[in-house]
């Protein structure tokens, strides 16, 4: 059985949840500025293309989004089952 960690689409989902709860619309670029991380990092995370993740940058994103690490990093087993 194979498994992997994915981030694909997670930033978009979290930005939508934040907009629903606060009414504030935030783009990935604005999120990057607020968190103090490179915008390319945010886009790579959201596309699922990030292979190496700076833990400090990830922590800053979590703080800016008011979320937990597992909201961004999702462990998936074979056949798309989330753990």
PDB file of N, CA and C in Angstrom:
ATOM      1  N   UNK A   1       0.849  -1.177   0.000  1.00  0.00           N
ATOM      2  CA  UNK A   1       0.000   0.000   0.000  1.00  0.00           C
ATOM      3  C   UNK A   1       0.893   1.238   0.000  1.00  0.00           C
ATOM      4  N   UNK A   2       0.595   2.182  -0.888  1.00  0.00           N
ATOM      5  CA  UNK A   2       1.377   3.409  -0.928  1.00  0.00           C
ATOM      6  C   UNK A   2       0.584   4.538  -0.278  1.00  0.00           C
ATOM      7  N   UNK A   3       1.312   5.543   0.135  1.00  0.00           N
ATOM      8  CA  UNK A   3       0.677   6.714   0.727  1.00  0.00           C
ATOM      9  C   UNK A   3       1.570   7.912   0.477  1.00  0.00           C
ATOM     10  N   UNK A   4       0.999   9.094   0.576  1.00  0.00           N
ATOM     11  CA  UNK A   4       1.791  10.299   0.398  1.00  0.00           C
ATOM     12  C   UNK A   4       1.127  11.467   1.111  1.00  0.00           C
ATOM     13  N   UNK A   5       1.887  12.537   1.226  1.00  0.00           N
ATOM     14  CA  UNK A   5       1.376  13.761   1.819  1.00  0.00           C
ATOM     15  C   UNK A   5       1.011  14.689   0.676  1.00  0.00           C
ATOM     16  N   UNK A   6      -0.160  15.278   0.753  1.00  0.00           N
ATOM     17  CA  UNK A   6      -0.580  16.204  -0.289  1.00  0.00           C
ATOM     18  C   UNK A   6      -0.981  17.543   0.322  1.00  0.00           C
ATOM     19  N   UNK A   7      -0.838  18.577  -0.476  1.00  0.00           N
ATOM     20  CA  UNK A   7      -1.281  19.911  -0.088  1.00  0.00           C
ATOM     21  C   UNK A   7      -2.204  20.479  -1.161  1.00  0.00           C
ATOM     22  N   UNK A   8      -2.448  19.720  -2.192  1.00  0.00           N
ATOM     23  CA  UNK A   8      -3.171  20.186  -3.366  1.00  0.00           C
ATOM     24  C   UNK A   8      -4.546  20.753  -3.019  1.00  0.00           C
ATOM     25  N   UNK A   9      -4.739  22.022  -3.356  1.00  0.00           N
ATOM     26  CA  UNK A   9      -6.015  22.687  -3.147  1.00  0.00           C
ATOM     27  C   UNK A   9      -6.303  23.130  -1.729  1.00  0.00           C
ATOM     28  N   UNK A  10      -5.437  22.800  -0.800  1.00  0.00           N
ATOM     29  CA  UNK A  10      -5.711  23.094   0.609  1.00  0.00           C
ATOM     30  C   UNK A  10      -5.704  24.602   0.902  1.00  0.00           C
ATOM     31  N   UNK A  11      -4.792  25.345   0.294  1.00  0.00           N
ATOM     32  CA  UNK A  11      -4.723  26.791   0.533  1.00  0.00           C
ATOM     33  C   UNK A  11      -6.002  27.452   0.017  1.00  0.00           C
ATOM     34  N   UNK A  12      -6.450  27.049  -1.163  1.00  0.00           N
ATOM     35  CA  UNK A  12      -7.681  27.597  -1.725  1.00  0.00           C
ATOM     36  C   UNK A  12      -8.862  27.341  -0.797  1.00  0.00           C
ATOM     37  N   UNK A  13      -8.953  26.130  -0.269  1.00  0.00           N
ATOM     38  CA  UNK A  13     -10.037  25.785   0.656  1.00  0.00           C
ATOM     39  C   UNK A  13      -9.964  26.644   1.913  1.00  0.00           C
ATOM     40  N   UNK A  14      -8.774  26.785   2.474  1.00  0.00           N
ATOM     41  CA  UNK A  14      -8.614  27.569   3.702  1.00  0.00           C
ATOM     42  C   UNK A  14      -8.900  29.052   3.476  1.00  0.00           C
ATOM     43  N   UNK A  15      -8.510  29.575   2.308  1.00  0.00           N
ATOM     44  CA  UNK A  15      -8.819  30.973   2.000  1.00  0.00           C
ATOM     45  C   UNK A  15     -10.331  31.162   1.882  1.00  0.00           C
ATOM     46  N   UNK A  16     -11.018  30.189   1.304  1.00  0.00           N
ATOM     47  CA  UNK A  16     -12.476  30.248   1.208  1.00  0.00           C
ATOM     48  C   UNK A  16     -13.141  30.201   2.568  1.00  0.00           C
ATOM     49  N   UNK A  17     -12.645  29.335   3.443  1.00  0.00           N
ATOM     50  CA  UNK A  17     -13.197  29.252   4.796  1.00  0.00           C
ATOM     51  C   UNK A  17     -12.976  30.553   5.554  1.00  0.00           C
ATOM     52  N   UNK A  18     -11.787  31.134   5.377  1.00  0.00           N
ATOM     53  CA  UNK A  18     -11.502  32.390   6.060  1.00  0.00           C
ATOM     54  C   UNK A  18     -12.428  33.495   5.551  1.00  0.00           C
ATOM     55  N   UNK A  19     -12.656  33.533   4.241  1.00  0.00           N
ATOM     56  CA  UNK A  19     -13.544  34.541   3.685  1.00  0.00           C
ATOM     57  C   UNK A  19     -14.962  34.360   4.221  1.00  0.00           C
ATOM     58  N   UNK A  20     -15.404  33.109   4.332  1.00  0.00           N
ATOM     59  CA  UNK A  20     -16.750  32.839   4.849  1.00  0.00           C
ATOM     60  C   UNK A  20     -16.894  33.274   6.303  1.00  0.00           C
ATOM     61  N   UNK A  21     -15.843  33.107   7.082  1.00  0.00           N
ATOM     62  CA  UNK A  21     -15.949  33.437   8.507  1.00  0.00           C
ATOM     63  C   UNK A  21     -15.676  34.910   8.813  1.00  0.00           C
ATOM     64  N   UNK A  22     -14.832  35.564   8.015  1.00  0.00           N
ATOM     65  CA  UNK A  22     -14.468  36.949   8.316  1.00  0.00           C
ATOM     66  C   UNK A  22     -15.019  37.959   7.319  1.00  0.00           C
ATOM     67  N   UNK A  23     -15.405  37.482   6.134  1.00  0.00           N
ATOM     68  CA  UNK A  23     -15.856  38.392   5.087  1.00  0.00           C
ATOM     69  C   UNK A  23     -14.699  39.010   4.322  1.00  0.00           C
ATOM     70  N   UNK A  24     -13.474  38.707   4.735  1.00  0.00           N
ATOM     71  CA  UNK A  24     -12.286  39.265   4.086  1.00  0.00           C
ATOM     72  C   UNK A  24     -11.823  38.335   2.968  1.00  0.00           C
ATOM     73  N   UNK A  25     -11.745  38.876   1.764  1.00  0.00           N
ATOM     74  CA  UNK A  25     -11.245  38.092   0.634  1.00  0.00           C
ATOM     75  C   UNK A  25      -9.736  38.271   0.568  1.00  0.00           C
ATOM     76  N   UNK A  26      -9.022  37.157   0.557  1.00  0.00           N
ATOM     77  CA  UNK A  26      -7.564  37.220   0.525  1.00  0.00           C
ATOM     78  C   UNK A  26      -7.058  36.332  -0.606  1.00  0.00           C
ATOM     79  N   UNK A  27      -6.224  36.876  -1.447  1.00  0.00           N
ATOM     80  CA  UNK A  27      -5.619  36.115  -2.534  1.00  0.00           C
ATOM     81  C   UNK A  27      -4.408  35.358  -1.998  1.00  0.00           C
ATOM     82  N   UNK A  28      -3.957  34.344  -2.730  1.00  0.00           N
ATOM     83  CA  UNK A  28      -2.719  33.665  -2.318  1.00  0.00           C
ATOM     84  C   UNK A  28      -1.541  34.631  -2.199  1.00  0.00           C
ATOM     85  N   UNK A  29      -1.495  35.624  -3.084  1.00  0.00           N
ATOM     86  CA  UNK A  29      -0.406  36.616  -3.031  1.00  0.00           C
ATOM     87  C   UNK A  29      -0.491  37.438  -1.736  1.00  0.00           C
ATOM     88  N   UNK A  30      -1.705  37.857  -1.378  1.00  0.00           N
ATOM     89  CA  UNK A  30      -1.884  38.638  -0.142  1.00  0.00           C
ATOM     90  C   UNK A  30      -1.583  37.772   1.082  1.00  0.00           C
ATOM     91  N   UNK A  31      -1.955  36.498   1.024  1.00  0.00           N
ATOM     92  CA  UNK A  31      -1.634  35.569   2.105  1.00  0.00           C
ATOM     93  C   UNK A  31      -0.128  35.472   2.290  1.00  0.00           C
ATOM     94  N   UNK A  32       0.601  35.351   1.192  1.00  0.00           N
ATOM     95  CA  UNK A  32       2.056  35.256   1.245  1.00  0.00           C
ATOM     96  C   UNK A  32       2.650  36.494   1.921  1.00  0.00           C
ATOM     97  N   UNK A  33       2.132  37.659   1.552  1.00  0.00           N
ATOM     98  CA  UNK A  33       2.611  38.910   2.162  1.00  0.00           C
ATOM     99  C   UNK A  33       2.307  38.928   3.653  1.00  0.00           C
ATOM    100  N   UNK A  34       1.087  38.551   4.017  1.00  0.00           N
ATOM    101  CA  UNK A  34       0.671  38.559   5.434  1.00  0.00           C
ATOM    102  C   UNK A  34       1.509  37.588   6.262  1.00  0.00           C
ATOM    103  N   UNK A  35       1.823  36.423   5.683  1.00  0.00           N
ATOM    104  CA  UNK A  35       2.582  35.397   6.407  1.00  0.00           C
ATOM    105  C   UNK A  35       4.090  35.615   6.322  1.00  0.00           C
ATOM    106  N   UNK A  36       4.523  36.490   5.421  1.00  0.00           N
ATOM    107  CA  UNK A  36       5.961  36.728   5.263  1.00  0.00           C
ATOM    108  C   UNK A  36       6.677  35.560   4.603  1.00  0.00           C
ATOM    109  N   UNK A  37       6.002  34.934   3.622  1.00  0.00           N
ATOM    110  CA  UNK A  37       6.593  33.818   2.886  1.00  0.00           C
ATOM    111  C   UNK A  37       6.576  34.154   1.401  1.00  0.00           C
ATOM    112  N   UNK A  38       7.438  33.533   0.610  1.00  0.00           N
ATOM    113  CA  UNK A  38       7.423  33.793  -0.838  1.00  0.00           C
ATOM    114  C   UNK A  38       6.105  33.356  -1.473  1.00  0.00           C
ATOM    115  N   UNK A  39       5.611  34.169  -2.399  1.00  0.00           N
ATOM    116  CA  UNK A  39       4.339  33.827  -3.049  1.00  0.00           C
ATOM    117  C   UNK A  39       4.456  32.521  -3.829  1.00  0.00           C
ATOM    118  N   UNK A  40       5.630  32.237  -4.376  1.00  0.00           N
ATOM    119  CA  UNK A  40       5.827  30.977  -5.095  1.00  0.00           C
ATOM    120  C   UNK A  40       5.623  29.773  -4.181  1.00  0.00           C
ATOM    121  N   UNK A  41       6.001  29.905  -2.920  1.00  0.00           N
ATOM    122  CA  UNK A  41       5.813  28.828  -1.943  1.00  0.00           C
ATOM    123  C   UNK A  41       4.322  28.538  -1.760  1.00  0.00           C
ATOM    124  N   UNK A  42       3.513  29.603  -1.642  1.00  0.00           N
ATOM    125  CA  UNK A  42       2.069  29.439  -1.466  1.00  0.00           C
ATOM    126  C   UNK A  42       1.468  28.764  -2.698  1.00  0.00           C
ATOM    127  N   UNK A  43       1.866  29.220  -3.882  1.00  0.00           N
ATOM    128  CA  UNK A  43       1.332  28.629  -5.114  1.00  0.00           C
ATOM    129  C   UNK A  43       1.759  27.172  -5.277  1.00  0.00           C
ATOM    130  N   UNK A  44       3.011  26.855  -4.921  1.00  0.00           N
ATOM    131  CA  UNK A  44       3.484  25.453  -5.015  1.00  0.00           C
ATOM    132  C   UNK A  44       2.729  24.567  -4.034  1.00  0.00           C
ATOM    133  N   UNK A  45       2.504  25.069  -2.819  1.00  0.00           N
ATOM    134  CA  UNK A  45       1.723  24.291  -1.846  1.00  0.00           C
ATOM    135  C   UNK A  45       0.328  24.018  -2.373  1.00  0.00           C
ATOM    136  N   UNK A  46      -0.331  25.050  -2.877  1.00  0.00           N
ATOM    137  CA  UNK A  46      -1.717  24.899  -3.311  1.00  0.00           C
ATOM    138  C   UNK A  46      -1.842  23.992  -4.539  1.00  0.00           C
ATOM    139  N   UNK A  47      -0.826  23.984  -5.372  1.00  0.00           N
ATOM    140  CA  UNK A  47      -0.878  23.133  -6.567  1.00  0.00           C
ATOM    141  C   UNK A  47      -0.447  21.701  -6.264  1.00  0.00           C
ATOM    142  N   UNK A  48       0.105  21.491  -5.065  1.00  0.00           N
ATOM    143  CA  UNK A  48       0.596  20.167  -4.710  1.00  0.00           C
ATOM    144  C   UNK A  48       1.992  19.893  -5.241  1.00  0.00           C
ATOM    145  N   UNK A  49       2.664  20.932  -5.741  1.00  0.00           N
ATOM    146  CA  UNK A  49       3.988  20.769  -6.345  1.00  0.00           C
ATOM    147  C   UNK A  49       5.137  20.940  -5.361  1.00  0.00           C
ATOM    148  N   UNK A  50       4.864  21.368  -4.137  1.00  0.00           N
ATOM    149  CA  UNK A  50       5.939  21.573  -3.151  1.00  0.00           C
ATOM    150  C   UNK A  50       6.474  20.216  -2.702  1.00  0.00           C
ATOM    151  N   UNK A  51       7.760  20.026  -2.787  1.00  0.00           N
ATOM    152  CA  UNK A  51       8.377  18.762  -2.379  1.00  0.00           C
ATOM    153  C   UNK A  51       9.138  18.894  -1.070  1.00  0.00           C
ATOM    154  N   UNK A  52       9.675  20.066  -0.820  1.00  0.00           N
ATOM    155  CA  UNK A  52      10.395  20.340   0.420  1.00  0.00           C
ATOM    156  C   UNK A  52       9.742  21.558   1.051  1.00  0.00           C
ATOM    157  N   UNK A  53       9.407  21.451   2.319  1.00  0.00           N
ATOM    158  CA  UNK A  53       8.648  22.505   2.968  1.00  0.00           C
ATOM    159  C   UNK A  53       9.438  23.087   4.131  1.00  0.00           C
ATOM    160  N   UNK A  54       9.564  24.401   4.144  1.00  0.00           N
ATOM    161  CA  UNK A  54      10.189  25.122   5.238  1.00  0.00           C
ATOM    162  C   UNK A  54       9.182  25.147   6.388  1.00  0.00           C
ATOM    163  N   UNK A  55       9.518  24.526   7.499  1.00  0.00           N
ATOM    164  CA  UNK A  55       8.584  24.423   8.621  1.00  0.00           C
ATOM    165  C   UNK A  55       8.240  25.780   9.222  1.00  0.00           C
ATOM    166  N   UNK A  56       9.198  26.698   9.255  1.00  0.00           N
ATOM    167  CA  UNK A  56       8.910  28.050   9.743  1.00  0.00           C
ATOM    168  C   UNK A  56       7.883  28.735   8.847  1.00  0.00           C
ATOM    169  N   UNK A  57       8.061  28.604   7.538  1.00  0.00           N
ATOM    170  CA  UNK A  57       7.121  29.206   6.583  1.00  0.00           C
ATOM    171  C   UNK A  57       5.747  28.577   6.734  1.00  0.00           C
ATOM    172  N   UNK A  58       5.707  27.279   6.931  1.00  0.00           N
ATOM    173  CA  UNK A  58       4.440  26.581   7.115  1.00  0.00           C
ATOM    174  C   UNK A  58       3.742  27.057   8.394  1.00  0.00           C
ATOM    175  N   UNK A  59       4.514  27.256   9.454  1.00  0.00           N
ATOM    176  CA  UNK A  59       3.958  27.756  10.720  1.00  0.00           C
ATOM    177  C   UNK A  59       3.395  29.170  10.542  1.00  0.00           C
ATOM    178  N   UNK A  60       4.093  30.002   9.770  1.00  0.00           N
ATOM    179  CA  UNK A  60       3.599  31.362   9.531  1.00  0.00           C
ATOM    180  C   UNK A  60       2.313  31.348   8.710  1.00  0.00           C
ATOM    181  N   UNK A  61       2.218  30.422   7.745  1.00  0.00           N
ATOM    182  CA  UNK A  61       0.979  30.288   6.984  1.00  0.00           C
ATOM    183  C   UNK A  61      -0.172  29.856   7.884  1.00  0.00           C
ATOM    184  N   UNK A  62       0.093  28.901   8.759  1.00  0.00           N
ATOM    185  CA  UNK A  62      -0.941  28.442   9.697  1.00  0.00           C
ATOM    186  C   UNK A  62      -1.413  29.593  10.584  1.00  0.00           C
ATOM    187  N   UNK A  63      -0.490  30.414  11.055  1.00  0.00           N
ATOM    188  CA  UNK A  63      -0.858  31.554  11.892  1.00  0.00           C
ATOM    189  C   UNK A  63      -1.696  32.558  11.103  1.00  0.00           C
ATOM    190  N   UNK A  64      -1.308  32.826   9.864  1.00  0.00           N
ATOM    191  CA  UNK A  64      -2.039  33.794   9.038  1.00  0.00           C
ATOM    192  C   UNK A  64      -3.432  33.291   8.688  1.00  0.00           C
ATOM    193  N   UNK A  65      -3.573  31.975   8.532  1.00  0.00           N
ATOM    194  CA  UNK A  65      -4.866  31.378   8.175  1.00  0.00           C
ATOM    195  C   UNK A  65      -5.669  30.938   9.400  1.00  0.00           C
ATOM    196  N   UNK A  66      -5.060  31.056  10.573  1.00  0.00           N
ATOM    197  CA  UNK A  66      -5.693  30.598  11.812  1.00  0.00           C
ATOM    198  C   UNK A  66      -6.133  29.134  11.670  1.00  0.00           C
ATOM    199  N   UNK A  67      -5.179  28.297  11.262  1.00  0.00           N
ATOM    200  CA  UNK A  67      -5.481  26.884  11.044  1.00  0.00           C
ATOM    201  C   UNK A  67      -4.389  26.025  11.668  1.00  0.00           C
ATOM    202  N   UNK A  68      -4.581  24.728  11.625  1.00  0.00           N
ATOM    203  CA  UNK A  68      -3.600  23.779  12.122  1.00  0.00           C
ATOM    204  C   UNK A  68      -2.819  23.182  10.958  1.00  0.00           C
ATOM    205  N   UNK A  69      -1.676  22.630  11.266  1.00  0.00           N
ATOM    206  CA  UNK A  69      -0.818  22.032  10.255  1.00  0.00           C
ATOM    207  C   UNK A  69      -1.556  20.984   9.418  1.00  0.00           C
ATOM    208  N   UNK A  70      -2.373  20.159  10.072  1.00  0.00           N
ATOM    209  CA  UNK A  70      -3.083  19.105   9.345  1.00  0.00           C
ATOM    210  C   UNK A  70      -4.159  19.652   8.414  1.00  0.00           C
ATOM    211  N   UNK A  71      -4.461  20.945   8.504  1.00  0.00           N
ATOM    212  CA  UNK A  71      -5.384  21.567   7.558  1.00  0.00           C
ATOM    213  C   UNK A  71      -4.698  21.821   6.214  1.00  0.00           C
ATOM    214  N   UNK A  72      -3.369  21.918   6.235  1.00  0.00           N
ATOM    215  CA  UNK A  72      -2.602  22.152   5.006  1.00  0.00           C
ATOM    216  C   UNK A  72      -1.984  20.862   4.489  1.00  0.00           C
ATOM    217  N   UNK A  73      -1.344  20.112   5.381  1.00  0.00           N
ATOM    218  CA  UNK A  73      -0.712  18.850   4.998  1.00  0.00           C
ATOM    219  C   UNK A  73      -1.681  17.704   5.262  1.00  0.00           C
ATOM    220  N   UNK A  74      -2.025  16.970   4.226  1.00  0.00           N
ATOM    221  CA  UNK A  74      -2.971  15.866   4.361  1.00  0.00           C
ATOM    222  C   UNK A  74      -2.290  14.580   3.925  1.00  0.00           C
ATOM    223  N   UNK A  75      -2.292  13.593   4.821  1.00  0.00           N
ATOM    224  CA  UNK A  75      -1.723  12.279   4.534  1.00  0.00           C
ATOM    225  C   UNK A  75      -2.780  11.450   3.818  1.00  0.00           C
ATOM    226  N   UNK A  76      -2.479  11.001   2.610  1.00  0.00           N
ATOM    227  CA  UNK A  76      -3.430  10.195   1.842  1.00  0.00           C
ATOM    228  C   UNK A  76      -2.874   8.800   1.612  1.00  0.00           C
ATOM    229  N   UNK A  77      -3.704   7.826   1.871  1.00  0.00           N
ATOM    230  CA  UNK A  77      -3.364   6.443   1.545  1.00  0.00           C
ATOM    231  C   UNK A  77      -3.717   6.181   0.101  1.00  0.00           C
ATOM    232  N   UNK A  78      -3.378   5.028  -0.360  1.00  0.00           N
ATOM    233  CA  UNK A  78      -3.741   4.614  -1.709  1.00  0.00           C
ATOM    234  C   UNK A  78      -5.248   4.753  -1.888  1.00  0.00           C
ATOM    235  N   UNK A  79      -5.696   5.077  -3.064  1.00  0.00           N
ATOM    236  CA  UNK A  79      -7.102   5.242  -3.433  1.00  0.00           C
ATOM    237  C   UNK A  79      -7.700   6.517  -2.861  1.00  0.00           C
ATOM    238  N   UNK A  80      -6.877   7.531  -2.507  1.00  0.00           N
ATOM    239  CA  UNK A  80      -7.387   8.831  -2.098  1.00  0.00           C
ATOM    240  C   UNK A  80      -7.971   8.905  -0.708  1.00  0.00           C
ATOM    241  N   UNK A  81      -7.807   7.870   0.114  1.00  0.00           N
ATOM    242  CA  UNK A  81      -8.356   7.879   1.474  1.00  0.00           C
ATOM    243  C   UNK A  81      -7.475   8.725   2.376  1.00  0.00           C
ATOM    244  N   UNK A  82      -8.049   9.770   2.991  1.00  0.00           N
ATOM    245  CA  UNK A  82      -7.292  10.624   3.911  1.00  0.00           C
ATOM    246  C   UNK A  82      -7.168   9.953   5.261  1.00  0.00           C
ATOM    247  N   UNK A  83      -6.035  10.208   5.903  1.00  0.00           N
ATOM    248  CA  UNK A  83      -5.807   9.653   7.246  1.00  0.00           C
ATOM    249  C   UNK A  83      -6.002  10.752   8.255  1.00  0.00           C
TER     250      UNK A  83
END
